[in-house]
Amino acid sequence: MTDSPDFIDLDDALVDLDRERRCGFSEVVYGEGKTVEAIRRIALAQLERGIDVFATRVSSEKAAALLSEFQTLYPNAYYNEIARTFRVPKPTSNDELTSPNDAATPIFRGKVAILTAGTSDLPVAEEARETALWTGADVVLVQDVGVAGPKRLIAKLPLFVDADAIVVCAGMEGALPSVVGGYVSAPIVAVPTSVGYGAAFGGVAATLGMLNSCASNVTVVNIDAGFKGGYVAGLIAKRVADAARRAFERGQNATR
């Protein structure tokens, strides 16, 4: 086994220890196709170095085995069965909640909204929600506001109009991101889902509809890629939060 400042060699996996510095967030474990033992070893390697563990596409059977081990040492480890995500947050000390120089310094977080066209889109939306939470964003989930009942979207608008980034999960014809785009100034990450009848082609129809959106603030990720939608939205929210923090610190320094 070879160690390096940038990665650790577990023989069947090279765990990237430098990902957060380069890319904003630490490495995420893609659980599908990995054994429980492989996920366990990667997770332990991350935790030993103070890195949050976040794994996607983890089956309930694998999660049960992982939780039985990790919750003994890390009681905050949890599994979201709908999202199929497994997470072990690193312990947070009181010192991390405030600035070392000023105990009154607020915590800055961006806001991410996750919208679903229907409740059938919830598994993808939950993956996006868990991912955005892992990035440190404040997250609001708004369900079942598809275009078949447009008044529902308008009624829920106050919940997400101030979001820094919005993830919209929709199947069928994939129209919801375009409609949302006409009401907000935030970037929208559209996630096509594989929900729909035959002509939906497993999410292809929704993908094409989203790619052809008339709303200029809509961008599109892959079919059922809730993780990717939540990650991109989390990055946007993090940049907003970092900018707000820098502005606050400049203001504080100017008054001293």
Protein backbone atom coordinates (compact mmCIF):
# COMPACT_ATOMS: atom_id res chain seq x y z
CA MET A 1 0.00 0.00 0.00
CA THR A 2 1.49 3.33 -1.08
CA ASP A 3 0.68 6.61 0.69
CA SER A 4 1.12 10.09 -0.70
CA PRO A 5 0.11 13.59 0.44
CA ASP A 6 -2.42 13.55 -2.42
CA PHE A 7 -3.83 10.03 -2.32
CA ILE A 8 -3.81 6.75 -0.45
CA ASP A 9 -3.43 3.45 -2.29
CA LEU A 10 -5.85 0.77 -1.09
CA ASP A 11 -4.79 -1.62 -3.88
CA ASP A 12 -8.23 -1.63 -5.54
CA ALA A 13 -8.83 2.11 -5.04
CA LEU A 14 -6.76 5.28 -5.02
CA VAL A 15 -8.50 7.56 -2.53
CA ASP A 16 -8.07 11.19 -3.60
CA LEU A 17 -7.11 13.21 -0.52
CA ASP A 18 -6.54 16.44 -2.43
CA ARG A 19 -9.97 16.68 -4.10
CA GLU A 20 -11.40 19.31 -1.76
CA ARG A 21 -8.50 21.71 -2.32
CA ARG A 22 -8.70 21.34 -6.09
CA CYS A 23 -12.43 21.05 -6.64
CA GLY A 24 -14.18 22.51 -3.61
CA PHE A 25 -15.48 19.25 -2.12
CA SER A 26 -13.92 15.96 -1.11
CA GLU A 27 -14.15 12.76 -3.13
CA VAL A 28 -17.53 11.02 -3.26
CA VAL A 29 -17.79 7.23 -3.27
CA TYR A 30 -19.91 5.71 -6.05
CA GLY A 31 -21.32 2.67 -4.29
CA GLU A 32 -22.84 0.77 -7.18
CA GLY A 33 -20.63 -2.18 -8.09
CA LYS A 34 -18.47 -1.84 -4.98
CA THR A 35 -18.52 -4.41 -2.21
CA VAL A 36 -19.31 -3.49 1.38
CA GLU A 37 -15.67 -4.14 2.23
CA ALA A 38 -14.44 -1.76 -0.49
CA ILE A 39 -16.76 1.03 0.67
CA ARG A 40 -15.78 0.39 4.29
CA ARG A 41 -12.05 0.68 3.60
CA ILE A 42 -12.44 3.85 1.55
CA ALA A 43 -14.67 5.39 4.22
CA LEU A 44 -12.22 4.57 7.00
CA ALA A 45 -9.34 6.04 5.00
CA GLN A 46 -11.30 9.27 4.59
CA LEU A 47 -12.47 9.49 8.20
CA GLU A 48 -8.96 8.91 9.54
CA ARG A 49 -7.93 12.04 7.64
CA GLY A 50 -10.86 14.17 8.74
CA ILE A 51 -12.81 13.84 5.48
CA ASP A 52 -16.60 13.57 5.33
CA VAL A 53 -17.82 10.26 3.92
CA PHE A 54 -20.51 10.50 1.29
CA ALA A 55 -21.45 7.51 -0.86
CA THR A 56 -24.14 7.33 -3.54
CA ARG A 57 -26.07 4.44 -5.10
CA VAL A 58 -25.69 2.26 -2.03
CA SER A 59 -28.23 -0.56 -1.71
CA SER A 60 -30.16 -1.03 1.52
CA GLU A 61 -28.39 -4.37 2.08
CA LYS A 62 -24.96 -2.77 1.86
CA ALA A 63 -26.10 0.14 4.00
CA ALA A 64 -27.28 -2.15 6.79
CA ALA A 65 -23.85 -3.75 6.97
CA LEU A 66 -22.08 -0.40 6.89
CA LEU A 67 -24.30 1.16 9.55
CA SER A 68 -23.81 -1.76 11.92
CA GLU A 69 -20.10 -0.99 11.96
CA PHE A 70 -19.87 2.78 11.60
CA GLN A 71 -22.62 3.85 13.99
CA THR A 72 -20.65 2.41 16.89
CA LEU A 73 -17.85 4.94 16.45
CA TYR A 74 -19.81 7.55 14.47
CA PRO A 75 -23.39 7.77 15.83
CA ASN A 76 -24.28 10.43 13.24
CA ALA A 77 -23.74 8.01 10.33
CA TYR A 78 -26.97 7.56 8.42
CA TYR A 79 -28.55 6.10 5.31
CA ASN A 80 -31.27 7.68 3.17
CA GLU A 81 -33.12 4.73 1.70
CA ILE A 82 -35.00 6.78 -0.90
CA ALA A 83 -31.85 8.55 -2.13
CA ARG A 84 -29.67 5.44 -1.65
CA THR A 85 -26.98 7.60 -0.04
CA PHE A 86 -24.75 6.73 2.91
CA ARG A 87 -23.08 9.48 4.88
CA VAL A 88 -20.75 9.80 7.84
CA PRO A 89 -20.35 13.51 8.67
CA LYS A 90 -17.09 14.35 10.36
CA PRO A 91 -17.53 15.52 13.96
CA THR A 92 -17.92 19.32 14.23
CA SER A 93 -16.39 21.08 17.18
CA ASN A 94 -17.72 24.30 18.63
CA ASP A 95 -14.58 26.04 17.38
CA GLU A 96 -15.55 25.29 13.79
CA LEU A 97 -18.91 27.02 14.16
CA THR A 98 -17.41 30.48 14.71
CA SER A 99 -14.49 32.48 13.42
CA PRO A 100 -11.30 32.05 15.49
CA ASN A 101 -10.88 35.84 15.45
CA ASP A 102 -14.44 36.94 16.10
CA ALA A 103 -17.01 34.81 17.91
CA ALA A 104 -19.78 37.01 16.45
CA THR A 105 -18.90 36.14 12.86
CA PRO A 106 -21.95 34.50 11.28
CA ILE A 107 -21.89 31.24 9.38
CA PHE A 108 -22.43 31.85 5.67
CA ARG A 109 -24.28 29.24 3.61
CA GLY A 110 -25.81 29.42 0.18
CA LYS A 111 -29.34 28.20 -0.44
CA VAL A 112 -30.30 25.38 -2.80
CA ALA A 113 -33.88 24.51 -3.72
CA ILE A 114 -34.82 21.06 -5.02
CA LEU A 115 -38.08 20.85 -6.98
CA THR A 116 -39.91 17.79 -8.27
CA ALA A 117 -42.53 17.69 -11.00
CA GLY A 118 -44.17 14.68 -9.32
CA THR A 119 -43.68 12.38 -6.37
CA SER A 120 -42.34 9.73 -8.77
CA ASP A 121 -39.28 11.95 -9.19
CA LEU A 122 -38.54 11.86 -5.45
CA PRO A 123 -35.70 9.27 -5.46
CA VAL A 124 -33.69 11.46 -7.84
CA ALA A 125 -34.62 14.60 -5.92
CA GLU A 126 -33.60 13.02 -2.61
CA GLU A 127 -30.21 12.13 -4.05
CA ALA A 128 -29.85 15.77 -5.10
CA ARG A 129 -31.01 16.97 -1.67
CA GLU A 130 -28.57 14.76 0.24
CA THR A 131 -25.75 15.86 -2.05
CA ALA A 132 -26.54 19.55 -1.62
CA LEU A 133 -26.70 19.10 2.16
CA TRP A 134 -23.31 17.38 2.05
CA THR A 135 -21.87 20.43 0.26
CA GLY A 136 -22.92 22.57 3.22
CA ALA A 137 -25.82 24.41 1.62
CA ASP A 138 -29.14 25.20 3.23
CA VAL A 139 -31.65 23.10 1.30
CA VAL A 140 -35.40 23.30 0.75
CA LEU A 141 -37.35 20.51 -0.99
CA VAL A 142 -40.53 21.43 -2.88
CA GLN A 143 -42.49 18.43 -4.15
CA ASP A 144 -45.12 17.80 -6.79
CA VAL A 145 -45.31 21.16 -8.58
CA GLY A 146 -45.41 19.88 -12.17
CA VAL A 147 -46.96 21.67 -15.12
CA ALA A 148 -50.20 19.66 -14.99
CA GLY A 149 -51.19 21.90 -12.05
CA PRO A 150 -49.36 25.21 -12.55
CA LYS A 151 -51.01 26.98 -9.62
CA ARG A 152 -49.12 24.69 -7.25
CA LEU A 153 -45.82 26.11 -8.47
CA ILE A 154 -46.95 29.71 -7.99
CA ALA A 155 -48.16 28.92 -4.46
CA LYS A 156 -44.74 27.49 -3.53
CA LEU A 157 -42.69 30.24 -5.23
CA PRO A 158 -41.89 32.09 -1.96
CA LEU A 159 -40.07 28.98 -0.73
CA PHE A 160 -37.44 29.01 -3.48
CA VAL A 161 -37.42 32.38 -5.28
CA ASP A 162 -34.44 33.47 -3.13
CA ALA A 163 -32.40 30.32 -3.75
CA ASP A 164 -28.89 30.69 -5.13
CA ALA A 165 -29.36 27.62 -7.32
CA ILE A 166 -32.39 25.47 -8.12
CA VAL A 167 -32.41 21.80 -9.05
CA VAL A 168 -35.52 20.74 -10.97
CA CYS A 169 -36.20 17.01 -11.32
CA ALA A 170 -38.80 16.07 -13.93
CA GLY A 171 -39.70 13.19 -16.19
CA MET A 172 -42.43 12.81 -18.83
CA GLU A 173 -41.88 15.74 -21.25
CA GLY A 174 -39.49 17.57 -18.89
CA ALA A 175 -41.27 20.94 -19.09
CA LEU A 176 -40.96 22.09 -15.48
CA PRO A 177 -37.44 23.62 -15.62
CA SER A 178 -38.52 25.97 -18.39
CA VAL A 179 -41.54 27.13 -16.42
CA VAL A 180 -39.48 27.66 -13.26
CA GLY A 181 -36.90 29.52 -15.31
CA GLY A 182 -39.49 32.12 -16.22
CA TYR A 183 -40.03 33.03 -12.55
CA VAL A 184 -36.55 33.18 -11.01
CA SER A 185 -33.15 34.79 -11.56
CA ALA A 186 -31.18 31.85 -10.17
CA PRO A 187 -29.34 29.28 -12.30
CA ILE A 188 -31.44 26.15 -12.77
CA VAL A 189 -29.91 22.68 -12.95
CA ALA A 190 -32.43 20.47 -14.72
CA VAL A 191 -32.32 16.75 -13.95
CA PRO A 192 -34.32 14.59 -16.38
CA THR A 193 -35.75 11.50 -14.73
CA SER A 194 -36.62 8.17 -16.31
CA VAL A 195 -40.27 8.59 -15.27
CA GLY A 196 -42.80 8.28 -18.09
CA TYR A 197 -44.55 6.01 -20.56
CA GLY A 198 -43.09 4.46 -23.71
CA ALA A 199 -42.44 7.60 -25.73
CA ALA A 200 -40.54 9.06 -22.77
CA PHE A 201 -37.76 6.61 -23.76
CA GLY A 202 -36.49 6.25 -20.19
CA GLY A 203 -35.85 9.97 -19.75
CA VAL A 204 -34.55 10.75 -23.25
CA ALA A 205 -37.66 12.78 -24.13
CA ALA A 206 -37.32 14.84 -20.94
CA THR A 207 -33.62 15.37 -21.63
CA LEU A 208 -34.26 16.66 -25.15
CA GLY A 209 -37.05 18.92 -23.91
CA MET A 210 -34.78 20.40 -21.25
CA LEU A 211 -31.91 20.87 -23.68
CA ASN A 212 -34.27 22.83 -25.91
CA SER A 213 -35.56 25.00 -23.08
CA CYS A 214 -36.52 28.54 -24.02
CA ALA A 215 -35.54 29.71 -20.51
CA SER A 216 -31.99 31.09 -20.65
CA ASN A 217 -31.07 30.10 -17.09
CA VAL A 218 -31.55 26.35 -17.55
CA THR A 219 -28.69 23.88 -17.88
CA VAL A 220 -29.06 20.09 -17.98
CA VAL A 221 -27.31 17.09 -16.45
CA ASN A 222 -27.68 13.39 -17.16
CA ILE A 223 -30.78 11.23 -16.73
CA ASP A 224 -31.53 10.41 -13.06
CA ALA A 225 -28.29 12.19 -12.08
CA GLY A 226 -29.56 13.66 -8.82
CA PHE A 227 -26.02 13.62 -7.46
CA LYS A 228 -24.73 15.73 -10.32
CA GLY A 229 -27.58 18.22 -9.99
CA GLY A 230 -27.07 18.58 -6.25
CA TYR A 231 -23.30 18.85 -6.63
CA VAL A 232 -23.41 21.62 -9.24
CA ALA A 233 -26.03 23.54 -7.25
CA GLY A 234 -23.92 23.08 -4.12
CA LEU A 235 -20.87 24.51 -5.89
CA ILE A 236 -22.87 27.57 -6.94
CA ALA A 237 -24.20 28.04 -3.41
CA LYS A 238 -20.70 27.66 -1.97
CA ARG A 239 -19.34 30.39 -4.25
CA VAL A 240 -22.16 32.70 -3.17
CA ALA A 241 -21.49 31.96 0.50
CA ASP A 242 -17.74 32.47 0.09
CA ALA A 243 -18.34 35.84 -1.61
CA ALA A 244 -20.68 36.93 1.21
CA ARG A 245 -18.09 35.88 3.79
CA ARG A 246 -15.33 37.84 2.06
CA ALA A 247 -17.56 40.92 1.83
CA PHE A 248 -18.37 40.64 5.54
CA GLU A 249 -14.71 40.32 6.45
CA ARG A 250 -13.80 43.35 4.32
CA GLY A 251 -16.48 45.34 6.11
CA GLN A 252 -15.22 44.19 9.50
CA ASN A 253 -11.64 45.13 8.64
CA ALA A 254 -12.71 48.55 7.35
CA THR A 255 -14.31 49.42 10.70
CA ARG A 256 -11.33 48.42 12.82
